[in-house]
Amino acid sequence: MQLICTIEDVFYITGRGCVVVPGIPYEFPTPVGIGAQLLIETPSGEHVRTTLISMEMISRGKPMNHAPFSVPSNIAKNQLPVGSKVFLVEDAHA
């Protein structure tokens, strides 16, 4: 597993799901795309397994070097607290 980011903020978009910020660094060493398997470890030690469903374009008033992304709508915002670590689950078949 590779650490992608530590969650700084989460937005919920009705009908789409949660958007995780900062997201995937543009210079992340491994390609990450739609359908990538993610593991999110909360500060309390809970684990949430999910899938990346889309990359998002948002404006935070300053240039970003990360690509925010969305997770499925069955993941609630309160399951993704600030400080949670997002990991890319490496493909066992690669």
PDB file of N, CA and C in Angstrom:
ATOM      1  N   MET A   1       0.851  -1.187   0.000  1.00  0.00           N
ATOM      2  CA  MET A   1       0.000   0.000   0.000  1.00  0.00           C
ATOM      3  C   MET A   1       0.888   1.239   0.000  1.00  0.00           C
ATOM      4  N   GLN A   2       0.403   2.260  -0.680  1.00  0.00           N
ATOM      5  CA  GLN A   2       1.115   3.529  -0.742  1.00  0.00           C
ATOM      6  C   GLN A   2       0.234   4.632  -0.180  1.00  0.00           C
ATOM      7  N   LEU A   3       0.812   5.482   0.672  1.00  0.00           N
ATOM      8  CA  LEU A   3       0.080   6.626   1.207  1.00  0.00           C
ATOM      9  C   LEU A   3      -0.118   7.645   0.097  1.00  0.00           C
ATOM     10  N   ILE A   4      -1.385   7.998  -0.143  1.00  0.00           N
ATOM     11  CA  ILE A   4      -1.715   9.017  -1.149  1.00  0.00           C
ATOM     12  C   ILE A   4      -1.722  10.400  -0.504  1.00  0.00           C
ATOM     13  N   CYS A   5      -2.472  10.534   0.604  1.00  0.00           N
ATOM     14  CA  CYS A   5      -2.589  11.831   1.252  1.00  0.00           C
ATOM     15  C   CYS A   5      -3.195  11.668   2.634  1.00  0.00           C
ATOM     16  N   THR A   6      -3.144  12.734   3.398  1.00  0.00           N
ATOM     17  CA  THR A   6      -3.865  12.843   4.659  1.00  0.00           C
ATOM     18  C   THR A   6      -5.014  13.818   4.416  1.00  0.00           C
ATOM     19  N   ILE A   7      -6.218  13.421   4.777  1.00  0.00           N
ATOM     20  CA  ILE A   7      -7.401  14.240   4.491  1.00  0.00           C
ATOM     21  C   ILE A   7      -7.348  15.565   5.250  1.00  0.00           C
ATOM     22  N   GLU A   8      -7.486  16.665   4.491  1.00  0.00           N
ATOM     23  CA  GLU A   8      -7.541  18.010   5.061  1.00  0.00           C
ATOM     24  C   GLU A   8      -8.966  18.536   5.112  1.00  0.00           C
ATOM     25  N   ASP A   9      -9.812  18.053   4.183  1.00  0.00           N
ATOM     26  CA  ASP A   9     -11.201  18.499   4.132  1.00  0.00           C
ATOM     27  C   ASP A   9     -11.997  17.489   3.314  1.00  0.00           C
ATOM     28  N   VAL A  10     -13.304  17.452   3.553  1.00  0.00           N
ATOM     29  CA  VAL A  10     -14.212  16.578   2.807  1.00  0.00           C
ATOM     30  C   VAL A  10     -15.469  17.384   2.507  1.00  0.00           C
ATOM     31  N   PHE A  11     -15.908  17.329   1.258  1.00  0.00           N
ATOM     32  CA  PHE A  11     -17.144  17.971   0.835  1.00  0.00           C
ATOM     33  C   PHE A  11     -18.114  16.885   0.407  1.00  0.00           C
ATOM     34  N   TYR A  12     -19.396  17.052   0.709  1.00  0.00           N
ATOM     35  CA  TYR A  12     -20.395  16.092   0.248  1.00  0.00           C
ATOM     36  C   TYR A  12     -21.211  16.739  -0.856  1.00  0.00           C
ATOM     37  N   ILE A  13     -21.301  16.068  -1.992  1.00  0.00           N
ATOM     38  CA  ILE A  13     -22.105  16.541  -3.112  1.00  0.00           C
ATOM     39  C   ILE A  13     -23.288  15.599  -3.243  1.00  0.00           C
ATOM     40  N   THR A  14     -24.486  16.112  -3.046  1.00  0.00           N
ATOM     41  CA  THR A  14     -25.699  15.305  -3.104  1.00  0.00           C
ATOM     42  C   THR A  14     -25.784  14.555  -4.422  1.00  0.00           C
ATOM     43  N   GLY A  15     -26.032  13.267  -4.335  1.00  0.00           N
ATOM     44  CA  GLY A  15     -26.162  12.431  -5.507  1.00  0.00           C
ATOM     45  C   GLY A  15     -24.857  11.947  -6.102  1.00  0.00           C
ATOM     46  N   ARG A  16     -23.734  12.463  -5.600  1.00  0.00           N
ATOM     47  CA  ARG A  16     -22.421  12.069  -6.134  1.00  0.00           C
ATOM     48  C   ARG A  16     -21.549  11.424  -5.083  1.00  0.00           C
ATOM     49  N   GLY A  17     -21.523  11.972  -3.889  1.00  0.00           N
ATOM     50  CA  GLY A  17     -20.683  11.417  -2.835  1.00  0.00           C
ATOM     51  C   GLY A  17     -19.721  12.434  -2.271  1.00  0.00           C
ATOM     52  N   CYS A  18     -18.765  11.934  -1.511  1.00  0.00           N
ATOM     53  CA  CYS A  18     -17.788  12.794  -0.838  1.00  0.00           C
ATOM     54  C   CYS A  18     -16.594  13.074  -1.734  1.00  0.00           C
ATOM     55  N   VAL A  19     -16.105  14.311  -1.659  1.00  0.00           N
ATOM     56  CA  VAL A  19     -14.898  14.732  -2.354  1.00  0.00           C
ATOM     57  C   VAL A  19     -13.816  14.891  -1.298  1.00  0.00           C
ATOM     58  N   VAL A  20     -12.694  14.208  -1.510  1.00  0.00           N
ATOM     59  CA  VAL A  20     -11.585  14.226  -0.562  1.00  0.00           C
ATOM     60  C   VAL A  20     -10.533  15.226  -1.026  1.00  0.00           C
ATOM     61  N   VAL A  21     -10.099  16.090  -0.085  1.00  0.00           N
ATOM     62  CA  VAL A  21      -9.094  17.111  -0.355  1.00  0.00           C
ATOM     63  C   VAL A  21      -7.952  16.921   0.636  1.00  0.00           C
ATOM     64  N   PRO A  22      -6.691  16.929   0.266  1.00  0.00           N
ATOM     65  CA  PRO A  22      -6.198  17.504  -0.970  1.00  0.00           C
ATOM     66  C   PRO A  22      -6.313  16.573  -2.176  1.00  0.00           C
ATOM     67  N   GLY A  23      -6.259  15.273  -1.995  1.00  0.00           N
ATOM     68  CA  GLY A  23      -6.389  14.352  -3.120  1.00  0.00           C
ATOM     69  C   GLY A  23      -5.068  13.749  -3.527  1.00  0.00           C
ATOM     70  N   ILE A  24      -4.989  13.346  -4.781  1.00  0.00           N
ATOM     71  CA  ILE A  24      -3.816  12.641  -5.295  1.00  0.00           C
ATOM     72  C   ILE A  24      -2.798  13.656  -5.808  1.00  0.00           C
ATOM     73  N   PRO A  25      -1.560  13.597  -5.308  1.00  0.00           N
ATOM     74  CA  PRO A  25      -0.529  14.525  -5.812  1.00  0.00           C
ATOM     75  C   PRO A  25      -0.312  14.327  -7.305  1.00  0.00           C
ATOM     76  N   TYR A  26      -0.133  15.420  -8.032  1.00  0.00           N
ATOM     77  CA  TYR A  26       0.115  15.323  -9.470  1.00  0.00           C
ATOM     78  C   TYR A  26       1.376  14.512  -9.759  1.00  0.00           C
ATOM     79  N   GLU A  27       2.322  14.503  -8.838  1.00  0.00           N
ATOM     80  CA  GLU A  27       3.578  13.777  -9.040  1.00  0.00           C
ATOM     81  C   GLU A  27       3.591  12.438  -8.296  1.00  0.00           C
ATOM     82  N   PHE A  28       2.422  11.864  -8.024  1.00  0.00           N
ATOM     83  CA  PHE A  28       2.352  10.571  -7.342  1.00  0.00           C
ATOM     84  C   PHE A  28       3.072   9.532  -8.204  1.00  0.00           C
ATOM     85  N   PRO A  29       3.903   8.678  -7.607  1.00  0.00           N
ATOM     86  CA  PRO A  29       4.738   7.771  -8.402  1.00  0.00           C
ATOM     87  C   PRO A  29       3.992   6.650  -9.129  1.00  0.00           C
ATOM     88  N   THR A  30       2.773   6.360  -8.749  1.00  0.00           N
ATOM     89  CA  THR A  30       1.993   5.279  -9.358  1.00  0.00           C
ATOM     90  C   THR A  30       0.747   5.861 -10.023  1.00  0.00           C
ATOM     91  N   PRO A  31       0.432   5.455 -11.248  1.00  0.00           N
ATOM     92  CA  PRO A  31      -0.808   5.934 -11.868  1.00  0.00           C
ATOM     93  C   PRO A  31      -2.031   5.526 -11.028  1.00  0.00           C
ATOM     94  N   VAL A  32      -2.928   6.473 -10.809  1.00  0.00           N
ATOM     95  CA  VAL A  32      -4.146   6.217 -10.037  1.00  0.00           C
ATOM     96  C   VAL A  32      -5.317   6.701 -10.879  1.00  0.00           C
ATOM     97  N   GLY A  33      -6.266   5.809 -11.131  1.00  0.00           N
ATOM     98  CA  GLY A  33      -7.396   6.181 -11.969  1.00  0.00           C
ATOM     99  C   GLY A  33      -8.720   5.732 -11.387  1.00  0.00           C
ATOM    100  N   ILE A  34      -9.752   5.985 -12.136  1.00  0.00           N
ATOM    101  CA  ILE A  34     -11.099   5.603 -11.753  1.00  0.00           C
ATOM    102  C   ILE A  34     -11.120   4.099 -11.474  1.00  0.00           C
ATOM    103  N   GLY A  35     -11.739   3.722 -10.378  1.00  0.00           N
ATOM    104  CA  GLY A  35     -11.822   2.315 -10.001  1.00  0.00           C
ATOM    105  C   GLY A  35     -10.709   1.855  -9.076  1.00  0.00           C
ATOM    106  N   ALA A  36      -9.728   2.733  -8.806  1.00  0.00           N
ATOM    107  CA  ALA A  36      -8.639   2.354  -7.907  1.00  0.00           C
ATOM    108  C   ALA A  36      -9.193   2.006  -6.528  1.00  0.00           C
ATOM    109  N   GLN A  37      -8.645   0.972  -5.938  1.00  0.00           N
ATOM    110  CA  GLN A  37      -9.061   0.537  -4.606  1.00  0.00           C
ATOM    111  C   GLN A  37      -8.305   1.353  -3.552  1.00  0.00           C
ATOM    112  N   LEU A  38      -9.054   1.897  -2.597  1.00  0.00           N
ATOM    113  CA  LEU A  38      -8.484   2.745  -1.556  1.00  0.00           C
ATOM    114  C   LEU A  38      -8.780   2.171  -0.186  1.00  0.00           C
ATOM    115  N   LEU A  39      -7.877   2.428   0.743  1.00  0.00           N
ATOM    116  CA  LEU A  39      -8.092   2.113   2.151  1.00  0.00           C
ATOM    117  C   LEU A  39      -7.886   3.411   2.910  1.00  0.00           C
ATOM    118  N   ILE A  40      -8.879   3.787   3.699  1.00  0.00           N
ATOM    119  CA  ILE A  40      -8.793   5.012   4.489  1.00  0.00           C
ATOM    120  C   ILE A  40      -8.718   4.614   5.950  1.00  0.00           C
ATOM    121  N   GLU A  41      -7.660   5.079   6.625  1.00  0.00           N
ATOM    122  CA  GLU A  41      -7.458   4.796   8.047  1.00  0.00           C
ATOM    123  C   GLU A  41      -7.743   6.073   8.824  1.00  0.00           C
ATOM    124  N   THR A  42      -8.761   6.028   9.676  1.00  0.00           N
ATOM    125  CA  THR A  42      -9.144   7.207  10.444  1.00  0.00           C
ATOM    126  C   THR A  42      -8.195   7.397  11.627  1.00  0.00           C
ATOM    127  N   PRO A  43      -8.172   8.590  12.218  1.00  0.00           N
ATOM    128  CA  PRO A  43      -7.328   8.814  13.391  1.00  0.00           C
ATOM    129  C   PRO A  43      -7.642   7.863  14.554  1.00  0.00           C
ATOM    130  N   SER A  44      -8.877   7.347  14.614  1.00  0.00           N
ATOM    131  CA  SER A  44      -9.247   6.418  15.689  1.00  0.00           C
ATOM    132  C   SER A  44      -8.847   4.979  15.370  1.00  0.00           C
ATOM    133  N   GLY A  45      -8.277   4.753  14.169  1.00  0.00           N
ATOM    134  CA  GLY A  45      -7.819   3.425  13.794  1.00  0.00           C
ATOM    135  C   GLY A  45      -8.811   2.598  12.999  1.00  0.00           C
ATOM    136  N   GLU A  46      -9.982   3.155  12.700  1.00  0.00           N
ATOM    137  CA  GLU A  46     -10.956   2.438  11.876  1.00  0.00           C
ATOM    138  C   GLU A  46     -10.498   2.433  10.425  1.00  0.00           C
ATOM    139  N   HIS A  47     -10.885   1.392   9.681  1.00  0.00           N
ATOM    140  CA  HIS A  47     -10.539   1.286   8.262  1.00  0.00           C
ATOM    141  C   HIS A  47     -11.797   1.318   7.419  1.00  0.00           C
ATOM    142  N   VAL A  48     -11.735   2.094   6.336  1.00  0.00           N
ATOM    143  CA  VAL A  48     -12.829   2.188   5.367  1.00  0.00           C
ATOM    144  C   VAL A  48     -12.248   1.796   4.016  1.00  0.00           C
ATOM    145  N   ARG A  49     -12.764   0.724   3.425  1.00  0.00           N
ATOM    146  CA  ARG A  49     -12.347   0.316   2.072  1.00  0.00           C
ATOM    147  C   ARG A  49     -13.341   0.924   1.082  1.00  0.00           C
ATOM    148  N   THR A  50     -12.799   1.520   0.026  1.00  0.00           N
ATOM    149  CA  THR A  50     -13.661   2.161  -0.956  1.00  0.00           C
ATOM    150  C   THR A  50     -12.970   2.196  -2.317  1.00  0.00           C
ATOM    151  N   THR A  51     -13.612   2.854  -3.256  1.00  0.00           N
ATOM    152  CA  THR A  51     -13.128   2.946  -4.627  1.00  0.00           C
ATOM    153  C   THR A  51     -13.145   4.401  -5.074  1.00  0.00           C
ATOM    154  N   LEU A  52     -12.153   4.791  -5.829  1.00  0.00           N
ATOM    155  CA  LEU A  52     -12.129   6.125  -6.414  1.00  0.00           C
ATOM    156  C   LEU A  52     -13.110   6.130  -7.585  1.00  0.00           C
ATOM    157  N   ILE A  53     -14.080   7.062  -7.552  1.00  0.00           N
ATOM    158  CA  ILE A  53     -15.080   7.068  -8.632  1.00  0.00           C
ATOM    159  C   ILE A  53     -14.913   8.214  -9.619  1.00  0.00           C
ATOM    160  N   SER A  54     -14.251   9.300  -9.210  1.00  0.00           N
ATOM    161  CA  SER A  54     -14.004  10.392 -10.160  1.00  0.00           C
ATOM    162  C   SER A  54     -12.981  11.364  -9.601  1.00  0.00           C
ATOM    163  N   MET A  55     -12.343  12.074 -10.523  1.00  0.00           N
ATOM    164  CA  MET A  55     -11.449  13.177 -10.159  1.00  0.00           C
ATOM    165  C   MET A  55     -12.288  14.444 -10.232  1.00  0.00           C
ATOM    166  N   GLU A  56     -12.019  15.380  -9.361  1.00  0.00           N
ATOM    167  CA  GLU A  56     -12.831  16.598  -9.284  1.00  0.00           C
ATOM    168  C   GLU A  56     -11.988  17.837  -9.564  1.00  0.00           C
ATOM    169  N   MET A  57     -12.628  18.849 -10.079  1.00  0.00           N
ATOM    170  CA  MET A  57     -11.995  20.144 -10.292  1.00  0.00           C
ATOM    171  C   MET A  57     -12.652  21.123  -9.328  1.00  0.00           C
ATOM    172  N   ILE A  58     -11.889  21.602  -8.365  1.00  0.00           N
ATOM    173  CA  ILE A  58     -12.411  22.589  -7.422  1.00  0.00           C
ATOM    174  C   ILE A  58     -11.441  23.757  -7.340  1.00  0.00           C
ATOM    175  N   SER A  59     -11.933  24.880  -6.887  1.00  0.00           N
ATOM    176  CA  SER A  59     -11.105  26.063  -6.710  1.00  0.00           C
ATOM    177  C   SER A  59     -11.071  26.413  -5.239  1.00  0.00           C
ATOM    178  N   ARG A  60      -9.887  26.448  -4.680  1.00  0.00           N
ATOM    179  CA  ARG A  60      -9.725  26.802  -3.270  1.00  0.00           C
ATOM    180  C   ARG A  60      -9.070  28.171  -3.127  1.00  0.00           C
ATOM    181  N   GLY A  61      -9.015  28.943  -4.218  1.00  0.00           N
ATOM    182  CA  GLY A  61      -8.457  30.285  -4.156  1.00  0.00           C
ATOM    183  C   GLY A  61      -6.954  30.337  -4.307  1.00  0.00           C
ATOM    184  N   LYS A  62      -6.294  29.186  -4.437  1.00  0.00           N
ATOM    185  CA  LYS A  62      -4.852  29.154  -4.644  1.00  0.00           C
ATOM    186  C   LYS A  62      -4.533  27.938  -5.506  1.00  0.00           C
ATOM    187  N   PRO A  63      -3.423  27.975  -6.227  1.00  0.00           N
ATOM    188  CA  PRO A  63      -3.059  26.827  -7.065  1.00  0.00           C
ATOM    189  C   PRO A  63      -2.888  25.568  -6.205  1.00  0.00           C
ATOM    190  N   MET A  64      -3.299  24.439  -6.762  1.00  0.00           N
ATOM    191  CA  MET A  64      -3.198  23.166  -6.047  1.00  0.00           C
ATOM    192  C   MET A  64      -2.216  22.256  -6.781  1.00  0.00           C
ATOM    193  N   ASN A  65      -1.540  21.387  -6.042  1.00  0.00           N
ATOM    194  CA  ASN A  65      -0.658  20.412  -6.668  1.00  0.00           C
ATOM    195  C   ASN A  65      -1.184  18.992  -6.448  1.00  0.00           C
ATOM    196  N   HIS A  66      -2.485  18.909  -6.160  1.00  0.00           N
ATOM    197  CA  HIS A  66      -3.172  17.640  -5.953  1.00  0.00           C
ATOM    198  C   HIS A  66      -4.474  17.638  -6.745  1.00  0.00           C
ATOM    199  N   ALA A  67      -4.985  16.444  -7.028  1.00  0.00           N
ATOM    200  CA  ALA A  67      -6.273  16.297  -7.703  1.00  0.00           C
ATOM    201  C   ALA A  67      -7.285  15.724  -6.713  1.00  0.00           C
ATOM    202  N   PRO A  68      -8.223  16.546  -6.199  1.00  0.00           N
ATOM    203  CA  PRO A  68      -9.265  16.021  -5.324  1.00  0.00           C
ATOM    204  C   PRO A  68     -10.034  14.913  -6.041  1.00  0.00           C
ATOM    205  N   PHE A  69     -10.564  13.973  -5.276  1.00  0.00           N
ATOM    206  CA  PHE A  69     -11.297  12.860  -5.880  1.00  0.00           C
ATOM    207  C   PHE A  69     -12.540  12.531  -5.076  1.00  0.00           C
ATOM    208  N   SER A  70     -13.470  11.814  -5.724  1.00  0.00           N
ATOM    209  CA  SER A  70     -14.726  11.406  -5.088  1.00  0.00           C
ATOM    210  C   SER A  70     -14.706   9.921  -4.790  1.00  0.00           C
ATOM    211  N   VAL A  71     -15.438   9.566  -3.734  1.00  0.00           N
ATOM    212  CA  VAL A  71     -15.676   8.171  -3.380  1.00  0.00           C
ATOM    213  C   VAL A  71     -17.177   7.922  -3.500  1.00  0.00           C
ATOM    214  N   PRO A  72     -17.618   6.665  -3.556  1.00  0.00           N
ATOM    215  CA  PRO A  72     -19.040   6.375  -3.750  1.00  0.00           C
ATOM    216  C   PRO A  72     -19.940   7.023  -2.694  1.00  0.00           C
ATOM    217  N   SER A  73     -21.186   7.279  -3.087  1.00  0.00           N
ATOM    218  CA  SER A  73     -22.132   7.970  -2.209  1.00  0.00           C
ATOM    219  C   SER A  73     -22.541   7.152  -0.984  1.00  0.00           C
ATOM    220  N   ASN A  74     -22.179   5.866  -0.921  1.00  0.00           N
ATOM    221  CA  ASN A  74     -22.490   5.090   0.281  1.00  0.00           C
ATOM    222  C   ASN A  74     -21.488   5.348   1.405  1.00  0.00           C
ATOM    223  N   ILE A  75     -20.439   6.127   1.134  1.00  0.00           N
ATOM    224  CA  ILE A  75     -19.479   6.542   2.161  1.00  0.00           C
ATOM    225  C   ILE A  75     -19.924   7.910   2.678  1.00  0.00           C
ATOM    226  N   ALA A  76     -20.228   7.980   3.968  1.00  0.00           N
ATOM    227  CA  ALA A  76     -20.707   9.225   4.572  1.00  0.00           C
ATOM    228  C   ALA A  76     -19.532  10.134   4.945  1.00  0.00           C
ATOM    229  N   LYS A  77     -19.775  11.420   4.931  1.00  0.00           N
ATOM    230  CA  LYS A  77     -18.749  12.402   5.274  1.00  0.00           C
ATOM    231  C   LYS A  77     -18.161  12.135   6.657  1.00  0.00           C
ATOM    232  N   ASN A  78     -18.993  11.716   7.609  1.00  0.00           N
ATOM    233  CA  ASN A  78     -18.487  11.491   8.973  1.00  0.00           C
ATOM    234  C   ASN A  78     -17.588  10.256   9.076  1.00  0.00           C
ATOM    235  N   GLN A  79     -17.533   9.423   8.013  1.00  0.00           N
ATOM    236  CA  GLN A  79     -16.626   8.285   7.977  1.00  0.00           C
ATOM    237  C   GLN A  79     -15.216   8.686   7.539  1.00  0.00           C
ATOM    238  N   LEU A  80     -15.064   9.946   7.096  1.00  0.00           N
ATOM    239  CA  LEU A  80     -13.802  10.435   6.553  1.00  0.00           C
ATOM    240  C   LEU A  80     -13.331  11.671   7.314  1.00  0.00           C
ATOM    241  N   PRO A  81     -13.002  11.529   8.599  1.00  0.00           N
ATOM    242  CA  PRO A  81     -12.613  12.710   9.368  1.00  0.00           C
ATOM    243  C   PRO A  81     -11.273  13.297   8.918  1.00  0.00           C
ATOM    244  N   VAL A  82     -11.123  14.591   9.142  1.00  0.00           N
ATOM    245  CA  VAL A  82      -9.856  15.263   8.872  1.00  0.00           C
ATOM    246  C   VAL A  82      -8.764  14.525   9.647  1.00  0.00           C
ATOM    247  N   GLY A  83      -7.627  14.339   9.004  1.00  0.00           N
ATOM    248  CA  GLY A  83      -6.514  13.617   9.613  1.00  0.00           C
ATOM    249  C   GLY A  83      -6.450  12.152   9.215  1.00  0.00           C
ATOM    250  N   SER A  84      -7.497  11.650   8.537  1.00  0.00           N
ATOM    251  CA  SER A  84      -7.483  10.266   8.059  1.00  0.00           C
ATOM    252  C   SER A  84      -6.440  10.130   6.961  1.00  0.00           C
ATOM    253  N   LYS A  85      -5.822   8.971   6.890  1.00  0.00           N
ATOM    254  CA  LYS A  85      -4.820   8.697   5.869  1.00  0.00           C
ATOM    255  C   LYS A  85      -5.442   7.855   4.758  1.00  0.00           C
ATOM    256  N   VAL A  86      -5.185   8.243   3.514  1.00  0.00           N
ATOM    257  CA  VAL A  86      -5.736   7.559   2.350  1.00  0.00           C
ATOM    258  C   VAL A  86      -4.594   6.789   1.680  1.00  0.00           C
ATOM    259  N   PHE A  87      -4.803   5.488   1.520  1.00  0.00           N
ATOM    260  CA  PHE A  87      -3.802   4.616   0.906  1.00  0.00           C
ATOM    261  C   PHE A  87      -4.326   4.024  -0.400  1.00  0.00           C
ATOM    262  N   LEU A  88      -3.443   3.875  -1.370  1.00  0.00           N
ATOM    263  CA  LEU A  88      -3.737   3.132  -2.583  1.00  0.00           C
ATOM    264  C   LEU A  88      -3.460   1.673  -2.289  1.00  0.00           C
ATOM    265  N   VAL A  89      -4.462   0.810  -2.495  1.00  0.00           N
ATOM    266  CA  VAL A  89      -4.291  -0.618  -2.292  1.00  0.00           C
ATOM    267  C   VAL A  89      -3.704  -1.168  -3.589  1.00  0.00           C
ATOM    268  N   GLU A  90      -2.496  -1.647  -3.520  1.00  0.00           N
ATOM    269  CA  GLU A  90      -1.815  -2.130  -4.720  1.00  0.00           C
ATOM    270  C   GLU A  90      -2.469  -3.386  -5.261  1.00  0.00           C
ATOM    271  N   ASP A  91      -2.501  -3.472  -6.558  1.00  0.00           N
ATOM    272  CA  ASP A  91      -3.103  -4.607  -7.239  1.00  0.00           C
ATOM    273  C   ASP A  91      -2.249  -5.855  -7.021  1.00  0.00           C
ATOM    274  N   ALA A  92      -2.833  -6.875  -6.413  1.00  0.00           N
ATOM    275  CA  ALA A  92      -2.109  -8.105  -6.130  1.00  0.00           C
ATOM    276  C   ALA A  92      -1.720  -8.848  -7.407  1.00  0.00           C
ATOM    277  N   HIS A  93      -2.361  -8.497  -8.533  1.00  0.00           N
ATOM    278  CA  HIS A  93      -2.099  -9.180  -9.795  1.00  0.00           C
ATOM    279  C   HIS A  93      -1.056  -8.457 -10.641  1.00  0.00           C
ATOM    280  N   ALA A  94      -0.592  -7.307 -10.167  1.00  0.00           N
ATOM    281  CA  ALA A  94       0.354  -6.512 -10.963  1.00  0.00           C
ATOM    282  C   ALA A  94       1.752  -7.110 -10.925  1.00  0.00           C
TER     283      ALA A  94
END
